């Protein structure tokens, strides 16, 4: 089962990774100072991940691709890893759409 892994980083900020069934992190958050803000971020991912219009595809200078998941106000709520090609990116988006709504919350 997919999960949101929550941990505190070296700066003392809370972050989450959406981890798919295969153990791969498919979406990562920004740093949050308060747990309530982090939980709101996770709920926003669950809400927006079901609609492709909230996914923004980007291409880096090196030709690799990644995507951002944005809230309805345009704020980035999660960023993917870099993908070597478009098919990998498309699979990443499908994974977020499938896994985010029901992913459990796990503090690591």
PDB file of N, CA and C in Angstrom:
ATOM      1  N   UNK A   1       0.833  -1.185   0.000  1.00  0.00           N
ATOM      2  CA  UNK A   1       0.000   0.000   0.000  1.00  0.00           C
ATOM      3  C   UNK A   1       0.878   1.249   0.000  1.00  0.00           C
ATOM      4  N   UNK A   2       0.471   2.245  -0.750  1.00  0.00           N
ATOM      5  CA  UNK A   2       1.205   3.505  -0.822  1.00  0.00           C
ATOM      6  C   UNK A   2       1.106   4.242   0.507  1.00  0.00           C
ATOM      7  N   UNK A   3       2.094   5.112   0.744  1.00  0.00           N
ATOM      8  CA  UNK A   3       2.072   5.852   2.009  1.00  0.00           C
ATOM      9  C   UNK A   3       2.742   7.208   1.853  1.00  0.00           C
ATOM     10  N   UNK A   4       2.358   8.109   2.738  1.00  0.00           N
ATOM     11  CA  UNK A   4       3.043   9.379   2.897  1.00  0.00           C
ATOM     12  C   UNK A   4       4.025   9.180   4.041  1.00  0.00           C
ATOM     13  N   UNK A   5       5.317   9.127   3.725  1.00  0.00           N
ATOM     14  CA  UNK A   5       6.348   9.038   4.759  1.00  0.00           C
ATOM     15  C   UNK A   5       6.674  10.446   5.216  1.00  0.00           C
ATOM     16  N   UNK A   6       6.545  10.692   6.506  1.00  0.00           N
ATOM     17  CA  UNK A   6       6.799  12.013   7.085  1.00  0.00           C
ATOM     18  C   UNK A   6       8.048  11.929   7.942  1.00  0.00           C
ATOM     19  N   UNK A   7       8.946  12.898   7.752  1.00  0.00           N
ATOM     20  CA  UNK A   7      10.143  12.933   8.591  1.00  0.00           C
ATOM     21  C   UNK A   7      10.589  14.375   8.780  1.00  0.00           C
ATOM     22  N   UNK A   8      11.442  14.567   9.771  1.00  0.00           N
ATOM     23  CA  UNK A   8      12.034  15.876  10.042  1.00  0.00           C
ATOM     24  C   UNK A   8      13.405  15.913   9.377  1.00  0.00           C
ATOM     25  N   UNK A   9      13.665  16.984   8.601  1.00  0.00           N
ATOM     26  CA  UNK A   9      14.948  17.089   7.903  1.00  0.00           C
ATOM     27  C   UNK A   9      16.019  17.717   8.798  1.00  0.00           C
ATOM     28  N   UNK A  10      17.206  17.914   8.245  1.00  0.00           N
ATOM     29  CA  UNK A  10      18.335  18.448   9.007  1.00  0.00           C
ATOM     30  C   UNK A  10      18.090  19.872   9.515  1.00  0.00           C
ATOM     31  N   UNK A  11      17.198  20.612   8.847  1.00  0.00           N
ATOM     32  CA  UNK A  11      16.876  21.976   9.272  1.00  0.00           C
ATOM     33  C   UNK A  11      15.772  22.016  10.323  1.00  0.00           C
ATOM     34  N   UNK A  12      15.237  20.840  10.669  1.00  0.00           N
ATOM     35  CA  UNK A  12      14.152  20.785  11.643  1.00  0.00           C
ATOM     36  C   UNK A  12      12.784  20.981  11.022  1.00  0.00           C
ATOM     37  N   UNK A  13      12.713  20.955   9.679  1.00  0.00           N
ATOM     38  CA  UNK A  13      11.429  21.098   8.997  1.00  0.00           C
ATOM     39  C   UNK A  13      10.833  19.726   8.691  1.00  0.00           C
ATOM     40  N   UNK A  14       9.520  19.669   8.684  1.00  0.00           N
ATOM     41  CA  UNK A  14       8.805  18.436   8.350  1.00  0.00           C
ATOM     42  C   UNK A  14       8.630  18.344   6.846  1.00  0.00           C
ATOM     43  N   UNK A  15       8.821  17.157   6.309  1.00  0.00           N
ATOM     44  CA  UNK A  15       8.653  16.901   4.871  1.00  0.00           C
ATOM     45  C   UNK A  15       7.946  15.566   4.689  1.00  0.00           C
ATOM     46  N   UNK A  16       7.266  15.423   3.548  1.00  0.00           N
ATOM     47  CA  UNK A  16       6.687  14.125   3.225  1.00  0.00           C
ATOM     48  C   UNK A  16       7.118  13.683   1.845  1.00  0.00           C
ATOM     49  N   UNK A  17       7.172  12.371   1.680  1.00  0.00           N
ATOM     50  CA  UNK A  17       7.349  11.726   0.384  1.00  0.00           C
ATOM     51  C   UNK A  17       6.163  10.803   0.187  1.00  0.00           C
ATOM     52  N   UNK A  18       5.536  10.879  -0.973  1.00  0.00           N
ATOM     53  CA  UNK A  18       4.529   9.895  -1.344  1.00  0.00           C
ATOM     54  C   UNK A  18       5.285   8.718  -1.942  1.00  0.00           C
ATOM     55  N   UNK A  19       5.183   7.560  -1.285  1.00  0.00           N
ATOM     56  CA  UNK A  19       5.909   6.366  -1.697  1.00  0.00           C
ATOM     57  C   UNK A  19       4.906   5.364  -2.263  1.00  0.00           C
ATOM     58  N   UNK A  20       5.131   4.954  -3.511  1.00  0.00           N
ATOM     59  CA  UNK A  20       4.241   4.004  -4.185  1.00  0.00           C
ATOM     60  C   UNK A  20       4.449   2.593  -3.639  1.00  0.00           C
ATOM     61  N   UNK A  21       3.601   1.686  -4.078  1.00  0.00           N
ATOM     62  CA  UNK A  21       3.660   0.286  -3.640  1.00  0.00           C
ATOM     63  C   UNK A  21       5.022  -0.353  -3.869  1.00  0.00           C
ATOM     64  N   UNK A  22       5.729   0.091  -4.916  1.00  0.00           N
ATOM     65  CA  UNK A  22       7.025  -0.498  -5.253  1.00  0.00           C
ATOM     66  C   UNK A  22       8.175   0.090  -4.426  1.00  0.00           C
ATOM     67  N   UNK A  23       7.854   0.983  -3.482  1.00  0.00           N
ATOM     68  CA  UNK A  23       8.869   1.570  -2.616  1.00  0.00           C
ATOM     69  C   UNK A  23       9.516   2.826  -3.178  1.00  0.00           C
ATOM     70  N   UNK A  24       9.109   3.233  -4.353  1.00  0.00           N
ATOM     71  CA  UNK A  24       9.668   4.401  -5.020  1.00  0.00           C
ATOM     72  C   UNK A  24       8.967   5.678  -4.567  1.00  0.00           C
ATOM     73  N   UNK A  25       9.732   6.703  -4.190  1.00  0.00           N
ATOM     74  CA  UNK A  25       9.151   8.012  -3.864  1.00  0.00           C
ATOM     75  C   UNK A  25       8.750   8.687  -5.167  1.00  0.00           C
ATOM     76  N   UNK A  26       7.473   9.024  -5.303  1.00  0.00           N
ATOM     77  CA  UNK A  26       6.979   9.611  -6.549  1.00  0.00           C
ATOM     78  C   UNK A  26       6.630  11.093  -6.419  1.00  0.00           C
ATOM     79  N   UNK A  27       6.581  11.600  -5.186  1.00  0.00           N
ATOM     80  CA  UNK A  27       6.265  13.010  -4.970  1.00  0.00           C
ATOM     81  C   UNK A  27       6.861  13.431  -3.639  1.00  0.00           C
ATOM     82  N   UNK A  28       7.497  14.596  -3.613  1.00  0.00           N
ATOM     83  CA  UNK A  28       8.120  15.104  -2.391  1.00  0.00           C
ATOM     84  C   UNK A  28       7.623  16.513  -2.110  1.00  0.00           C
ATOM     85  N   UNK A  29       7.537  16.840  -0.828  1.00  0.00           N
ATOM     86  CA  UNK A  29       7.015  18.144  -0.423  1.00  0.00           C
ATOM     87  C   UNK A  29       8.125  19.144  -0.160  1.00  0.00           C
ATOM     88  N   UNK A  30       7.697  20.362   0.045  1.00  0.00           N
ATOM     89  CA  UNK A  30       8.567  21.404   0.578  1.00  0.00           C
ATOM     90  C   UNK A  30       8.700  21.163   2.078  1.00  0.00           C
ATOM     91  N   UNK A  31       9.487  21.983   2.758  1.00  0.00           N
ATOM     92  CA  UNK A  31       9.609  21.889   4.204  1.00  0.00           C
ATOM     93  C   UNK A  31       8.504  22.664   4.895  1.00  0.00           C
ATOM     94  N   UNK A  32       7.977  22.100   5.965  1.00  0.00           N
ATOM     95  CA  UNK A  32       6.927  22.737   6.770  1.00  0.00           C
ATOM     96  C   UNK A  32       7.451  22.935   8.189  1.00  0.00           C
ATOM     97  N   UNK A  33       7.145  24.068   8.769  1.00  0.00           N
ATOM     98  CA  UNK A  33       7.576  24.349  10.142  1.00  0.00           C
ATOM     99  C   UNK A  33       6.617  23.755  11.176  1.00  0.00           C
ATOM    100  N   UNK A  34       5.336  23.629  10.828  1.00  0.00           N
ATOM    101  CA  UNK A  34       4.326  23.130  11.768  1.00  0.00           C
ATOM    102  C   UNK A  34       3.669  21.867  11.223  1.00  0.00           C
ATOM    103  N   UNK A  35       3.369  20.940  12.119  1.00  0.00           N
ATOM    104  CA  UNK A  35       2.738  19.680  11.710  1.00  0.00           C
ATOM    105  C   UNK A  35       1.371  19.936  11.086  1.00  0.00           C
ATOM    106  N   UNK A  36       0.614  20.909  11.585  1.00  0.00           N
ATOM    107  CA  UNK A  36      -0.704  21.212  11.013  1.00  0.00           C
ATOM    108  C   UNK A  36      -0.569  21.626   9.550  1.00  0.00           C
ATOM    109  N   UNK A  37       0.463  22.392   9.228  1.00  0.00           N
ATOM    110  CA  UNK A  37       0.692  22.814   7.838  1.00  0.00           C
ATOM    111  C   UNK A  37       1.048  21.621   6.958  1.00  0.00           C
ATOM    112  N   UNK A  38       1.876  20.721   7.486  1.00  0.00           N
ATOM    113  CA  UNK A  38       2.231  19.509   6.756  1.00  0.00           C
ATOM    114  C   UNK A  38       0.982  18.676   6.464  1.00  0.00           C
ATOM    115  N   UNK A  39       0.133  18.498   7.455  1.00  0.00           N
ATOM    116  CA  UNK A  39      -1.090  17.710   7.271  1.00  0.00           C
ATOM    117  C   UNK A  39      -2.008  18.370   6.248  1.00  0.00           C
ATOM    118  N   UNK A  40      -2.082  19.692   6.256  1.00  0.00           N
ATOM    119  CA  UNK A  40      -2.856  20.400   5.233  1.00  0.00           C
ATOM    120  C   UNK A  40      -2.269  20.159   3.851  1.00  0.00           C
ATOM    121  N   UNK A  41      -0.937  20.122   3.754  1.00  0.00           N
ATOM    122  CA  UNK A  41      -0.278  19.836   2.480  1.00  0.00           C
ATOM    123  C   UNK A  41      -0.621  18.450   1.964  1.00  0.00           C
ATOM    124  N   UNK A  42      -0.619  17.468   2.847  1.00  0.00           N
ATOM    125  CA  UNK A  42      -0.975  16.097   2.453  1.00  0.00           C
ATOM    126  C   UNK A  42      -2.428  16.036   1.994  1.00  0.00           C
ATOM    127  N   UNK A  43      -3.322  16.698   2.714  1.00  0.00           N
ATOM    128  CA  UNK A  43      -4.734  16.709   2.302  1.00  0.00           C
ATOM    129  C   UNK A  43      -4.903  17.392   0.950  1.00  0.00           C
ATOM    130  N   UNK A  44      -4.122  18.425   0.701  1.00  0.00           N
ATOM    131  CA  UNK A  44      -4.177  19.111  -0.586  1.00  0.00           C
ATOM    132  C   UNK A  44      -3.695  18.195  -1.710  1.00  0.00           C
ATOM    133  N   UNK A  45      -2.646  17.407  -1.451  1.00  0.00           N
ATOM    134  CA  UNK A  45      -2.181  16.434  -2.444  1.00  0.00           C
ATOM    135  C   UNK A  45      -3.296  15.425  -2.733  1.00  0.00           C
ATOM    136  N   UNK A  46      -3.907  14.894  -1.688  1.00  0.00           N
ATOM    137  CA  UNK A  46      -4.989  13.916  -1.881  1.00  0.00           C
ATOM    138  C   UNK A  46      -6.110  14.497  -2.729  1.00  0.00           C
ATOM    139  N   UNK A  47      -6.462  15.749  -2.476  1.00  0.00           N
ATOM    140  CA  UNK A  47      -7.565  16.405  -3.183  1.00  0.00           C
ATOM    141  C   UNK A  47      -7.222  16.690  -4.651  1.00  0.00           C
ATOM    142  N   UNK A  48      -6.017  17.190  -4.910  1.00  0.00           N
ATOM    143  CA  UNK A  48      -5.663  17.659  -6.255  1.00  0.00           C
ATOM    144  C   UNK A  48      -5.070  16.568  -7.150  1.00  0.00           C
ATOM    145  N   UNK A  49      -4.588  15.484  -6.570  1.00  0.00           N
ATOM    146  CA  UNK A  49      -3.918  14.439  -7.355  1.00  0.00           C
ATOM    147  C   UNK A  49      -4.858  13.694  -8.292  1.00  0.00           C
ATOM    148  N   UNK A  50      -6.153  13.817  -8.097  1.00  0.00           N
ATOM    149  CA  UNK A  50      -7.105  13.057  -8.920  1.00  0.00           C
ATOM    150  C   UNK A  50      -7.425  13.747 -10.245  1.00  0.00           C
ATOM    151  N   UNK A  51      -6.894  14.942 -10.473  1.00  0.00           N
ATOM    152  CA  UNK A  51      -7.220  15.708 -11.681  1.00  0.00           C
ATOM    153  C   UNK A  51      -5.936  16.125 -12.394  1.00  0.00           C
ATOM    154  N   UNK A  52      -5.774  15.687 -13.640  1.00  0.00           N
ATOM    155  CA  UNK A  52      -4.553  15.972 -14.408  1.00  0.00           C
ATOM    156  C   UNK A  52      -4.271  17.462 -14.572  1.00  0.00           C
ATOM    157  N   UNK A  53      -5.295  18.301 -14.480  1.00  0.00           N
ATOM    158  CA  UNK A  53      -5.069  19.735 -14.700  1.00  0.00           C
ATOM    159  C   UNK A  53      -4.171  20.364 -13.634  1.00  0.00           C
ATOM    160  N   UNK A  54      -3.978  19.686 -12.508  1.00  0.00           N
ATOM    161  CA  UNK A  54      -3.129  20.220 -11.442  1.00  0.00           C
ATOM    162  C   UNK A  54      -1.670  19.785 -11.565  1.00  0.00           C
ATOM    163  N   UNK A  55      -1.350  19.001 -12.594  1.00  0.00           N
ATOM    164  CA  UNK A  55       0.021  18.552 -12.826  1.00  0.00           C
ATOM    165  C   UNK A  55       0.682  19.453 -13.858  1.00  0.00           C
ATOM    166  N   UNK A  56       1.841  19.982 -13.503  1.00  0.00           N
ATOM    167  CA  UNK A  56       2.616  20.840 -14.396  1.00  0.00           C
ATOM    168  C   UNK A  56       3.886  20.096 -14.785  1.00  0.00           C
ATOM    169  N   UNK A  57       4.048  19.829 -16.073  1.00  0.00           N
ATOM    170  CA  UNK A  57       5.219  19.101 -16.577  1.00  0.00           C
ATOM    171  C   UNK A  57       6.314  20.104 -16.924  1.00  0.00           C
ATOM    172  N   UNK A  58       7.529  19.786 -16.498  1.00  0.00           N
ATOM    173  CA  UNK A  58       8.682  20.664 -16.734  1.00  0.00           C
ATOM    174  C   UNK A  58       9.810  19.852 -17.370  1.00  0.00           C
ATOM    175  N   UNK A  59      10.631  20.542 -18.159  1.00  0.00           N
ATOM    176  CA  UNK A  59      11.824  19.911 -18.718  1.00  0.00           C
ATOM    177  C   UNK A  59      13.046  20.688 -18.252  1.00  0.00           C
ATOM    178  N   UNK A  60      14.017  19.971 -17.720  1.00  0.00           N
ATOM    179  CA  UNK A  60      15.251  20.597 -17.242  1.00  0.00           C
ATOM    180  C   UNK A  60      16.190  20.849 -18.420  1.00  0.00           C
ATOM    181  N   UNK A  61      17.209  21.648 -18.196  1.00  0.00           N
ATOM    182  CA  UNK A  61      18.184  21.979 -19.240  1.00  0.00           C
ATOM    183  C   UNK A  61      18.895  20.734 -19.777  1.00  0.00           C
ATOM    184  N   UNK A  62      18.998  19.697 -18.937  1.00  0.00           N
ATOM    185  CA  UNK A  62      19.675  18.469 -19.366  1.00  0.00           C
ATOM    186  C   UNK A  62      18.750  17.512 -20.124  1.00  0.00           C
ATOM    187  N   UNK A  63      17.512  17.935 -20.382  1.00  0.00           N
ATOM    188  CA  UNK A  63      16.574  17.120 -21.147  1.00  0.00           C
ATOM    189  C   UNK A  63      15.735  16.179 -20.322  1.00  0.00           C
ATOM    190  N   UNK A  64      16.002  16.083 -19.022  1.00  0.00           N
ATOM    191  CA  UNK A  64      15.182  15.233 -18.156  1.00  0.00           C
ATOM    192  C   UNK A  64      13.890  15.970 -17.807  1.00  0.00           C
ATOM    193  N   UNK A  65      12.898  15.208 -17.380  1.00  0.00           N
ATOM    194  CA  UNK A  65      11.581  15.758 -17.093  1.00  0.00           C
ATOM    195  C   UNK A  65      11.199  15.539 -15.634  1.00  0.00           C
ATOM    196  N   UNK A  66      10.359  16.433 -15.123  1.00  0.00           N
ATOM    197  CA  UNK A  66       9.757  16.250 -13.807  1.00  0.00           C
ATOM    198  C   UNK A  66       8.418  16.972 -13.815  1.00  0.00           C
ATOM    199  N   UNK A  67       7.662  16.771 -12.753  1.00  0.00           N
ATOM    200  CA  UNK A  67       6.383  17.462 -12.666  1.00  0.00           C
ATOM    201  C   UNK A  67       6.180  18.028 -11.276  1.00  0.00           C
ATOM    202  N   UNK A  68       5.353  19.054 -11.233  1.00  0.00           N
ATOM    203  CA  UNK A  68       4.887  19.630  -9.980  1.00  0.00           C
ATOM    204  C   UNK A  68       3.402  19.370  -9.881  1.00  0.00           C
ATOM    205  N   UNK A  69       2.945  19.089  -8.696  1.00  0.00           N
ATOM    206  CA  UNK A  69       1.510  19.036  -8.411  1.00  0.00           C
ATOM    207  C   UNK A  69       1.175  20.357  -7.747  1.00  0.00           C
ATOM    208  N   UNK A  70       0.194  21.055  -8.317  1.00  0.00           N
ATOM    209  CA  UNK A  70      -0.167  22.368  -7.805  1.00  0.00           C
ATOM    210  C   UNK A  70      -1.565  22.352  -7.215  1.00  0.00           C
ATOM    211  N   UNK A  71      -1.762  23.195  -6.214  1.00  0.00           N
ATOM    212  CA  UNK A  71      -3.092  23.392  -5.632  1.00  0.00           C
ATOM    213  C   UNK A  71      -3.882  24.313  -6.565  1.00  0.00           C
ATOM    214  N   UNK A  72      -5.161  24.451  -6.305  1.00  0.00           N
ATOM    215  CA  UNK A  72      -6.003  25.293  -7.153  1.00  0.00           C
ATOM    216  C   UNK A  72      -5.576  26.760  -7.127  1.00  0.00           C
ATOM    217  N   UNK A  73      -4.827  27.184  -6.098  1.00  0.00           N
ATOM    218  CA  UNK A  73      -4.331  28.560  -6.042  1.00  0.00           C
ATOM    219  C   UNK A  73      -2.990  28.721  -6.769  1.00  0.00           C
ATOM    220  N   UNK A  74      -2.486  27.645  -7.382  1.00  0.00           N
ATOM    221  CA  UNK A  74      -1.239  27.698  -8.136  1.00  0.00           C
ATOM    222  C   UNK A  74       0.006  27.367  -7.342  1.00  0.00           C
ATOM    223  N   UNK A  75      -0.130  27.177  -6.031  1.00  0.00           N
ATOM    224  CA  UNK A  75       1.024  26.861  -5.195  1.00  0.00           C
ATOM    225  C   UNK A  75       1.464  25.416  -5.411  1.00  0.00           C
ATOM    226  N   UNK A  76       2.771  25.204  -5.538  1.00  0.00           N
ATOM    227  CA  UNK A  76       3.324  23.849  -5.683  1.00  0.00           C
ATOM    228  C   UNK A  76       3.187  23.128  -4.344  1.00  0.00           C
ATOM    229  N   UNK A  77       2.565  21.936  -4.378  1.00  0.00           N
ATOM    230  CA  UNK A  77       2.397  21.154  -3.155  1.00  0.00           C
ATOM    231  C   UNK A  77       3.208  19.867  -3.172  1.00  0.00           C
ATOM    232  N   UNK A  78       3.822  19.569  -4.314  1.00  0.00           N
ATOM    233  CA  UNK A  78       4.685  18.401  -4.413  1.00  0.00           C
ATOM    234  C   UNK A  78       5.448  18.412  -5.719  1.00  0.00           C
ATOM    235  N   UNK A  79       6.652  17.844  -5.693  1.00  0.00           N
ATOM    236  CA  UNK A  79       7.519  17.782  -6.864  1.00  0.00           C
ATOM    237  C   UNK A  79       7.995  16.350  -7.046  1.00  0.00           C
ATOM    238  N   UNK A  80       8.054  15.923  -8.289  1.00  0.00           N
ATOM    239  CA  UNK A  80       8.506  14.557  -8.587  1.00  0.00           C
ATOM    240  C   UNK A  80      10.024  14.491  -8.659  1.00  0.00           C
ATOM    241  N   UNK A  81      10.506  13.278  -8.805  1.00  0.00           N
ATOM    242  CA  UNK A  81      11.906  13.045  -9.128  1.00  0.00           C
ATOM    243  C   UNK A  81      12.130  13.423 -10.598  1.00  0.00           C
ATOM    244  N   UNK A  82      13.359  13.381 -11.061  1.00  0.00           N
ATOM    245  CA  UNK A  82      13.663  13.611 -12.471  1.00  0.00           C
ATOM    246  C   UNK A  82      13.513  12.292 -13.230  1.00  0.00           C
ATOM    247  N   UNK A  83      12.939  12.382 -14.410  1.00  0.00           N
ATOM    248  CA  UNK A  83      12.740  11.214 -15.263  1.00  0.00           C
ATOM    249  C   UNK A  83      13.545  11.381 -16.546  1.00  0.00           C
ATOM    250  N   UNK A  84      14.131  10.293 -17.024  1.00  0.00           N
ATOM    251  CA  UNK A  84      14.946  10.337 -18.235  1.00  0.00           C
ATOM    252  C   UNK A  84      14.105  10.578 -19.485  1.00  0.00           C
ATOM    253  N   UNK A  85      12.853  10.130 -19.454  1.00  0.00           N
ATOM    254  CA  UNK A  85      12.010  10.300 -20.641  1.00  0.00           C
ATOM    255  C   UNK A  85      10.562  10.574 -20.252  1.00  0.00           C
ATOM    256  N   UNK A  86       9.789  10.952 -21.261  1.00  0.00           N
ATOM    257  CA  UNK A  86       8.386  11.326 -21.039  1.00  0.00           C
ATOM    258  C   UNK A  86       7.551  10.152 -20.541  1.00  0.00           C
ATOM    259  N   UNK A  87       7.840   8.930 -20.993  1.00  0.00           N
ATOM    260  CA  UNK A  87       7.022   7.795 -20.562  1.00  0.00           C
ATOM    261  C   UNK A  87       7.183   7.549 -19.061  1.00  0.00           C
ATOM    262  N   UNK A  88       8.393   7.707 -18.545  1.00  0.00           N
ATOM    263  CA  UNK A  88       8.612   7.573 -17.111  1.00  0.00           C
ATOM    264  C   UNK A  88       7.857   8.636 -16.344  1.00  0.00           C
ATOM    265  N   UNK A  89       7.880   9.854 -16.869  1.00  0.00           N
ATOM    266  CA  UNK A  89       7.148  10.960 -16.248  1.00  0.00           C
ATOM    267  C   UNK A  89       5.651  10.671 -16.231  1.00  0.00           C
ATOM    268  N   UNK A  90       5.117  10.207 -17.351  1.00  0.00           N
ATOM    269  CA  UNK A  90       3.683   9.895 -17.423  1.00  0.00           C
ATOM    270  C   UNK A  90       3.312   8.797 -16.428  1.00  0.00           C
ATOM    271  N   UNK A  91       4.180   7.804 -16.273  1.00  0.00           N
ATOM    272  CA  UNK A  91       3.931   6.747 -15.288  1.00  0.00           C
ATOM    273  C   UNK A  91       3.966   7.305 -13.870  1.00  0.00           C
ATOM    274  N   UNK A  92       4.858   8.268 -13.619  1.00  0.00           N
ATOM    275  CA  UNK A  92       4.919   8.914 -12.312  1.00  0.00           C
ATOM    276  C   UNK A  92       3.632   9.659 -11.990  1.00  0.00           C
ATOM    277  N   UNK A  93       3.098  10.383 -12.957  1.00  0.00           N
ATOM    278  CA  UNK A  93       1.839  11.103 -12.756  1.00  0.00           C
ATOM    279  C   UNK A  93       0.705  10.117 -12.477  1.00  0.00           C
ATOM    280  N   UNK A  94       0.645   9.045 -13.260  1.00  0.00           N
ATOM    281  CA  UNK A  94      -0.393   8.023 -13.037  1.00  0.00           C
ATOM    282  C   UNK A  94      -0.276   7.416 -11.641  1.00  0.00           C
ATOM    283  N   UNK A  95       0.954   7.203 -11.189  1.00  0.00           N
ATOM    284  CA  UNK A  95       1.175   6.635  -9.861  1.00  0.00           C
ATOM    285  C   UNK A  95       0.665   7.579  -8.778  1.00  0.00           C
ATOM    286  N   UNK A  96       0.946   8.871  -8.909  1.00  0.00           N
ATOM    287  CA  UNK A  96       0.456   9.842  -7.920  1.00  0.00           C
ATOM    288  C   UNK A  96      -1.068   9.869  -7.938  1.00  0.00           C
ATOM    289  N   UNK A  97      -1.657   9.880  -9.127  1.00  0.00           N
ATOM    290  CA  UNK A  97      -3.125   9.921  -9.240  1.00  0.00           C
ATOM    291  C   UNK A  97      -3.761   8.693  -8.587  1.00  0.00           C
ATOM    292  N   UNK A  98      -3.128   7.551  -8.756  1.00  0.00           N
ATOM    293  CA  UNK A  98      -3.672   6.300  -8.216  1.00  0.00           C
ATOM    294  C   UNK A  98      -3.441   6.191  -6.705  1.00  0.00           C
ATOM    295  N   UNK A  99      -2.251   6.567  -6.250  1.00  0.00           N
ATOM    296  CA  UNK A  99      -1.843   6.276  -4.878  1.00  0.00           C
ATOM    297  C   UNK A  99      -2.161   7.346  -3.843  1.00  0.00           C
ATOM    298  N   UNK A 100      -2.139   8.614  -4.226  1.00  0.00           N
ATOM    299  CA  UNK A 100      -2.266   9.692  -3.241  1.00  0.00           C
ATOM    300  C   UNK A 100      -3.585   9.689  -2.466  1.00  0.00           C
ATOM    301  N   UNK A 101      -4.731   9.485  -3.125  1.00  0.00           N
ATOM    302  CA  UNK A 101      -5.988   9.637  -2.382  1.00  0.00           C
ATOM    303  C   UNK A 101      -6.130   8.724  -1.164  1.00  0.00           C
ATOM    304  N   UNK A 102      -5.589   7.518  -1.222  1.00  0.00           N
ATOM    305  CA  UNK A 102      -5.783   6.547  -0.144  1.00  0.00           C
ATOM    306  C   UNK A 102      -4.514   6.196   0.621  1.00  0.00           C
ATOM    307  N   UNK A 103      -3.425   6.895   0.346  1.00  0.00           N
ATOM    308  CA  UNK A 103      -2.150   6.568   0.994  1.00  0.00           C
ATOM    309  C   UNK A 103      -2.233   6.837   2.494  1.00  0.00           C
ATOM    310  N   UNK A 104      -1.661   5.916   3.263  1.00  0.00           N
ATOM    311  CA  UNK A 104      -1.638   6.089   4.706  1.00  0.00           C
ATOM    312  C   UNK A 104      -0.508   7.030   5.110  1.00  0.00           C
ATOM    313  N   UNK A 105      -0.617   7.595   6.278  1.00  0.00           N
ATOM    314  CA  UNK A 105       0.399   8.501   6.821  1.00  0.00           C
ATOM    315  C   UNK A 105       1.290   7.732   7.774  1.00  0.00           C
ATOM    316  N   UNK A 106       2.620   7.773   7.536  1.00  0.00           N
ATOM    317  CA  UNK A 106       3.573   7.053   8.357  1.00  0.00           C
ATOM    318  C   UNK A 106       4.683   8.014   8.763  1.00  0.00           C
ATOM    319  N   UNK A 107       4.937   8.122  10.046  1.00  0.00           N
ATOM    320  CA  UNK A 107       6.040   8.961  10.519  1.00  0.00           C
ATOM    321  C   UNK A 107       7.279   8.086  10.658  1.00  0.00           C
ATOM    322  N   UNK A 108       8.356   8.485   9.968  1.00  0.00           N
ATOM    323  CA  UNK A 108       9.595   7.690   9.980  1.00  0.00           C
ATOM    324  C   UNK A 108      10.702   8.417  10.713  1.00  0.00           C
TER     325      UNK A 108
END
